[in-house]
């Protein structure tokens, strides 16, 4: 975790054909929480290498 803070926020919902979240009524935005973090995923394994002819 590099940083975290709370404060005033603004909500922007973009209309999309597959997800109708922007049509939901929002009465009031109370506050916002902002996080800055470095996330590292563990190493995976190759199941099939398509480039190895």
C-alpha atoms as a PDB file:
ATOM      1  CA  UNK A   1       0.000   0.000   0.000  1.00  0.00           C
ATOM      2  CA  UNK A   2       1.559   3.265  -1.098  1.00  0.00           C
ATOM      3  CA  UNK A   3      -1.217   5.586  -0.021  1.00  0.00           C
ATOM      4  CA  UNK A   4      -4.844   5.795   1.004  1.00  0.00           C
ATOM      5  CA  UNK A   5      -7.132   8.711   1.743  1.00  0.00           C
ATOM      6  CA  UNK A   6     -10.789   9.620   1.949  1.00  0.00           C
ATOM      7  CA  UNK A   7     -12.560  12.784   0.900  1.00  0.00           C
ATOM      8  CA  UNK A   8     -15.106  14.304  -1.442  1.00  0.00           C
ATOM      9  CA  UNK A   9     -15.803  12.357  -4.623  1.00  0.00           C
ATOM     10  CA  UNK A  10     -17.798  12.529  -7.822  1.00  0.00           C
ATOM     11  CA  UNK A  11     -19.548   9.624  -9.537  1.00  0.00           C
ATOM     12  CA  UNK A  12     -19.578   9.306 -13.315  1.00  0.00           C
ATOM     13  CA  UNK A  13     -21.601   6.475 -14.844  1.00  0.00           C
ATOM     14  CA  UNK A  14     -21.241   5.906 -18.580  1.00  0.00           C
ATOM     15  CA  UNK A  15     -24.180   4.323 -20.437  1.00  0.00           C
ATOM     16  CA  UNK A  16     -23.370   0.986 -22.070  1.00  0.00           C
ATOM     17  CA  UNK A  17     -25.542  -1.408 -24.050  1.00  0.00           C
ATOM     18  CA  UNK A  18     -24.516  -4.507 -22.049  1.00  0.00           C
ATOM     19  CA  UNK A  19     -24.557  -2.984 -18.564  1.00  0.00           C
ATOM     20  CA  UNK A  20     -27.350  -0.641 -17.554  1.00  0.00           C
ATOM     21  CA  UNK A  21     -25.757   0.596 -14.307  1.00  0.00           C
ATOM     22  CA  UNK A  22     -25.859   4.189 -15.553  1.00  0.00           C
ATOM     23  CA  UNK A  23     -29.668   4.042 -15.479  1.00  0.00           C
ATOM     24  CA  UNK A  24     -29.763   3.451 -11.709  1.00  0.00           C
ATOM     25  CA  UNK A  25     -30.777   6.486  -9.648  1.00  0.00           C
ATOM     26  CA  UNK A  26     -28.039   7.908  -7.413  1.00  0.00           C
ATOM     27  CA  UNK A  27     -29.367  10.228  -4.742  1.00  0.00           C
ATOM     28  CA  UNK A  28     -26.166  11.317  -3.035  1.00  0.00           C
ATOM     29  CA  UNK A  29     -22.468  10.458  -3.008  1.00  0.00           C
ATOM     30  CA  UNK A  30     -21.363  10.460   0.611  1.00  0.00           C
ATOM     31  CA  UNK A  31     -17.587  10.201   0.280  1.00  0.00           C
ATOM     32  CA  UNK A  32     -14.857   8.509  -1.689  1.00  0.00           C
ATOM     33  CA  UNK A  33     -11.941   6.308  -0.741  1.00  0.00           C
ATOM     34  CA  UNK A  34      -8.841   6.330  -2.907  1.00  0.00           C
ATOM     35  CA  UNK A  35      -6.089   3.698  -2.789  1.00  0.00           C
ATOM     36  CA  UNK A  36      -2.685   3.538  -4.433  1.00  0.00           C
ATOM     37  CA  UNK A  37      -1.036   0.125  -4.226  1.00  0.00           C
ATOM     38  CA  UNK A  38       1.393  -2.126  -6.056  1.00  0.00           C
ATOM     39  CA  UNK A  39      -0.193  -5.495  -6.754  1.00  0.00           C
ATOM     40  CA  UNK A  40       1.953  -8.427  -7.803  1.00  0.00           C
ATOM     41  CA  UNK A  41       0.427 -11.654  -9.049  1.00  0.00           C
ATOM     42  CA  UNK A  42       2.257 -14.950  -8.511  1.00  0.00           C
ATOM     43  CA  UNK A  43       4.012 -16.548 -11.475  1.00  0.00           C
ATOM     44  CA  UNK A  44       1.780 -18.727 -13.607  1.00  0.00           C
ATOM     45  CA  UNK A  45       2.603 -21.753 -15.711  1.00  0.00           C
ATOM     46  CA  UNK A  46       2.338 -22.154 -19.484  1.00  0.00           C
ATOM     47  CA  UNK A  47      -0.314 -24.679 -20.409  1.00  0.00           C
ATOM     48  CA  UNK A  48       0.326 -24.684 -24.155  1.00  0.00           C
ATOM     49  CA  UNK A  49       2.917 -22.705 -26.111  1.00  0.00           C
ATOM     50  CA  UNK A  50       1.317 -21.872 -29.473  1.00  0.00           C
ATOM     51  CA  UNK A  51       4.499 -20.229 -30.784  1.00  0.00           C
ATOM     52  CA  UNK A  52       6.712 -23.296 -30.286  1.00  0.00           C
ATOM     53  CA  UNK A  53       5.957 -24.713 -33.754  1.00  0.00           C
END
